[in-house]
Amino acid sequence: MLLAIARSSLESEAIITLILVLVPIILGVLALHIALQRRAETGIVPRVAIFALGIIALLAWTGLYVGPALALLASIMPAYRSVLPTATG
């Protein structure tokens, strides 16, 4: 796709194709940035951000259904803790 754009002139069709290529890349980079931040515990802000990215991805037909659905599910999953609580008593 990029090879075809490189050999053609930048008309409206090529710009639309470029946008269709860049939207999934930008959404993926944003999702990775949010997911890979180090936190003691996952709060509500990253969950809402991932949820919003999932909704935007669904509306933009990014990854069809699987990728956005996984992002939506990841936003409502319980927080992962690397250290298990110990039993007292």
C-alpha atoms as a PDB file:
ATOM      1  CA  MET A   1       0.000   0.000   0.000  1.00  0.00           C
ATOM      2  CA  LEU A   2       2.783   2.415   0.889  1.00  0.00           C
ATOM      3  CA  LEU A   3       4.638   1.478  -2.295  1.00  0.00           C
ATOM      4  CA  ALA A   4       1.579   2.381  -4.346  1.00  0.00           C
ATOM      5  CA  ILE A   5       1.286   5.732  -2.567  1.00  0.00           C
ATOM      6  CA  ALA A   6       4.980   6.424  -3.142  1.00  0.00           C
ATOM      7  CA  ARG A   7       4.569   5.925  -6.911  1.00  0.00           C
ATOM      8  CA  SER A   8       1.376   7.961  -7.245  1.00  0.00           C
ATOM      9  CA  SER A   9       0.625  11.625  -6.816  1.00  0.00           C
ATOM     10  CA  LEU A  10      -0.821  12.878  -3.551  1.00  0.00           C
ATOM     11  CA  GLU A  11      -4.442  13.261  -4.508  1.00  0.00           C
ATOM     12  CA  SER A  12      -7.470  12.835  -2.292  1.00  0.00           C
ATOM     13  CA  GLU A  13      -7.574   9.054  -2.742  1.00  0.00           C
ATOM     14  CA  ALA A  14      -3.970   8.671  -1.639  1.00  0.00           C
ATOM     15  CA  ILE A  15      -4.531  10.888   1.394  1.00  0.00           C
ATOM     16  CA  ILE A  16      -7.581   8.838   2.430  1.00  0.00           C
ATOM     17  CA  THR A  17      -5.517   5.654   2.117  1.00  0.00           C
ATOM     18  CA  LEU A  18      -2.750   7.207   4.195  1.00  0.00           C
ATOM     19  CA  ILE A  19      -5.269   8.131   6.895  1.00  0.00           C
ATOM     20  CA  LEU A  20      -6.643   4.575   6.882  1.00  0.00           C
ATOM     21  CA  VAL A  21      -3.107   3.315   7.448  1.00  0.00           C
ATOM     22  CA  LEU A  22      -2.190   5.814  10.161  1.00  0.00           C
ATOM     23  CA  VAL A  23      -5.329   5.531  12.353  1.00  0.00           C
ATOM     24  CA  PRO A  24      -4.684   1.909  13.474  1.00  0.00           C
ATOM     25  CA  ILE A  25      -0.990   2.648  14.017  1.00  0.00           C
ATOM     26  CA  ILE A  26      -1.720   5.686  16.190  1.00  0.00           C
ATOM     27  CA  LEU A  27      -4.387   3.853  18.205  1.00  0.00           C
ATOM     28  CA  GLY A  28      -2.024   0.917  18.756  1.00  0.00           C
ATOM     29  CA  VAL A  29       0.828   3.134  19.903  1.00  0.00           C
ATOM     30  CA  LEU A  30      -1.468   4.975  22.314  1.00  0.00           C
ATOM     31  CA  ALA A  31      -2.809   1.697  23.715  1.00  0.00           C
ATOM     32  CA  LEU A  32       0.717   0.359  24.220  1.00  0.00           C
ATOM     33  CA  HIS A  33       1.795   3.599  25.883  1.00  0.00           C
ATOM     34  CA  ILE A  34      -1.084   3.404  28.350  1.00  0.00           C
ATOM     35  CA  ALA A  35      -0.667  -0.323  28.996  1.00  0.00           C
ATOM     36  CA  LEU A  36       3.099  -0.270  29.532  1.00  0.00           C
ATOM     37  CA  GLN A  37       3.244   2.550  32.062  1.00  0.00           C
ATOM     38  CA  ARG A  38       4.504   1.406  35.455  1.00  0.00           C
ATOM     39  CA  ARG A  39       1.959   1.858  38.213  1.00  0.00           C
ATOM     40  CA  ALA A  40       1.591   0.469  41.706  1.00  0.00           C
ATOM     41  CA  GLU A  41      -2.052  -0.252  40.956  1.00  0.00           C
ATOM     42  CA  THR A  42      -4.202   0.290  37.911  1.00  0.00           C
ATOM     43  CA  GLY A  43      -6.600   3.146  38.552  1.00  0.00           C
ATOM     44  CA  ILE A  44      -9.683   4.349  36.767  1.00  0.00           C
ATOM     45  CA  VAL A  45      -7.923   6.790  34.381  1.00  0.00           C
ATOM     46  CA  PRO A  46      -5.989   4.157  32.365  1.00  0.00           C
ATOM     47  CA  ARG A  47      -9.077   1.949  32.233  1.00  0.00           C
ATOM     48  CA  VAL A  48     -11.206   4.780  30.869  1.00  0.00           C
ATOM     49  CA  ALA A  49      -8.470   5.652  28.356  1.00  0.00           C
ATOM     50  CA  ILE A  50      -8.266   2.057  27.091  1.00  0.00           C
ATOM     51  CA  PHE A  51     -12.064   1.900  26.959  1.00  0.00           C
ATOM     52  CA  ALA A  52     -12.142   5.113  24.898  1.00  0.00           C
ATOM     53  CA  LEU A  53      -9.466   3.749  22.543  1.00  0.00           C
ATOM     54  CA  GLY A  54     -11.541   0.592  22.123  1.00  0.00           C
ATOM     55  CA  ILE A  55     -14.642   2.593  21.227  1.00  0.00           C
ATOM     56  CA  ILE A  56     -12.686   4.754  18.772  1.00  0.00           C
ATOM     57  CA  ALA A  57     -11.172   1.619  17.226  1.00  0.00           C
ATOM     58  CA  LEU A  58     -14.621   0.065  16.800  1.00  0.00           C
ATOM     59  CA  LEU A  59     -15.914   3.208  15.115  1.00  0.00           C
ATOM     60  CA  ALA A  60     -12.840   3.399  12.868  1.00  0.00           C
ATOM     61  CA  TRP A  61     -13.098  -0.309  11.933  1.00  0.00           C
ATOM     62  CA  THR A  62      -9.567  -0.784  13.244  1.00  0.00           C
ATOM     63  CA  GLY A  63      -8.770  -4.465  13.605  1.00  0.00           C
ATOM     64  CA  LEU A  64     -12.390  -5.181  12.733  1.00  0.00           C
ATOM     65  CA  TYR A  65     -13.853  -6.660  15.913  1.00  0.00           C
ATOM     66  CA  VAL A  66     -11.225  -8.636  17.817  1.00  0.00           C
ATOM     67  CA  GLY A  67      -8.751  -5.864  18.704  1.00  0.00           C
ATOM     68  CA  PRO A  68     -11.311  -3.317  19.901  1.00  0.00           C
ATOM     69  CA  ALA A  69     -13.242  -6.005  21.768  1.00  0.00           C
ATOM     70  CA  LEU A  70     -10.068  -7.045  23.602  1.00  0.00           C
ATOM     71  CA  ALA A  71      -9.374  -3.413  24.499  1.00  0.00           C
ATOM     72  CA  LEU A  72     -12.889  -3.035  25.883  1.00  0.00           C
ATOM     73  CA  LEU A  73     -12.537  -6.238  27.901  1.00  0.00           C
ATOM     74  CA  ALA A  74      -9.112  -5.213  29.208  1.00  0.00           C
ATOM     75  CA  SER A  75     -10.567  -1.978  30.546  1.00  0.00           C
ATOM     76  CA  ILE A  76     -13.031  -3.809  32.807  1.00  0.00           C
ATOM     77  CA  MET A  77     -10.819  -6.690  33.949  1.00  0.00           C
ATOM     78  CA  PRO A  78      -9.692  -6.722  37.584  1.00  0.00           C
ATOM     79  CA  ALA A  79      -6.257  -5.289  38.315  1.00  0.00           C
ATOM     80  CA  TYR A  80      -3.308  -7.657  38.093  1.00  0.00           C
ATOM     81  CA  ARG A  81      -1.141  -7.786  41.172  1.00  0.00           C
ATOM     82  CA  SER A  82       2.375  -9.125  40.928  1.00  0.00           C
ATOM     83  CA  VAL A  83       2.514  -9.907  44.645  1.00  0.00           C
ATOM     84  CA  LEU A  84      -0.148 -12.193  46.019  1.00  0.00           C
ATOM     85  CA  PRO A  85      -1.642 -11.240  49.389  1.00  0.00           C
ATOM     86  CA  THR A  86      -0.481 -13.468  52.232  1.00  0.00           C
ATOM     87  CA  ALA A  87      -2.849 -15.108  54.651  1.00  0.00           C
ATOM     88  CA  THR A  88      -2.571 -13.861  58.209  1.00  0.00           C
ATOM     89  CA  GLY A  89      -3.318 -15.916  61.229  1.00  0.00           C
END
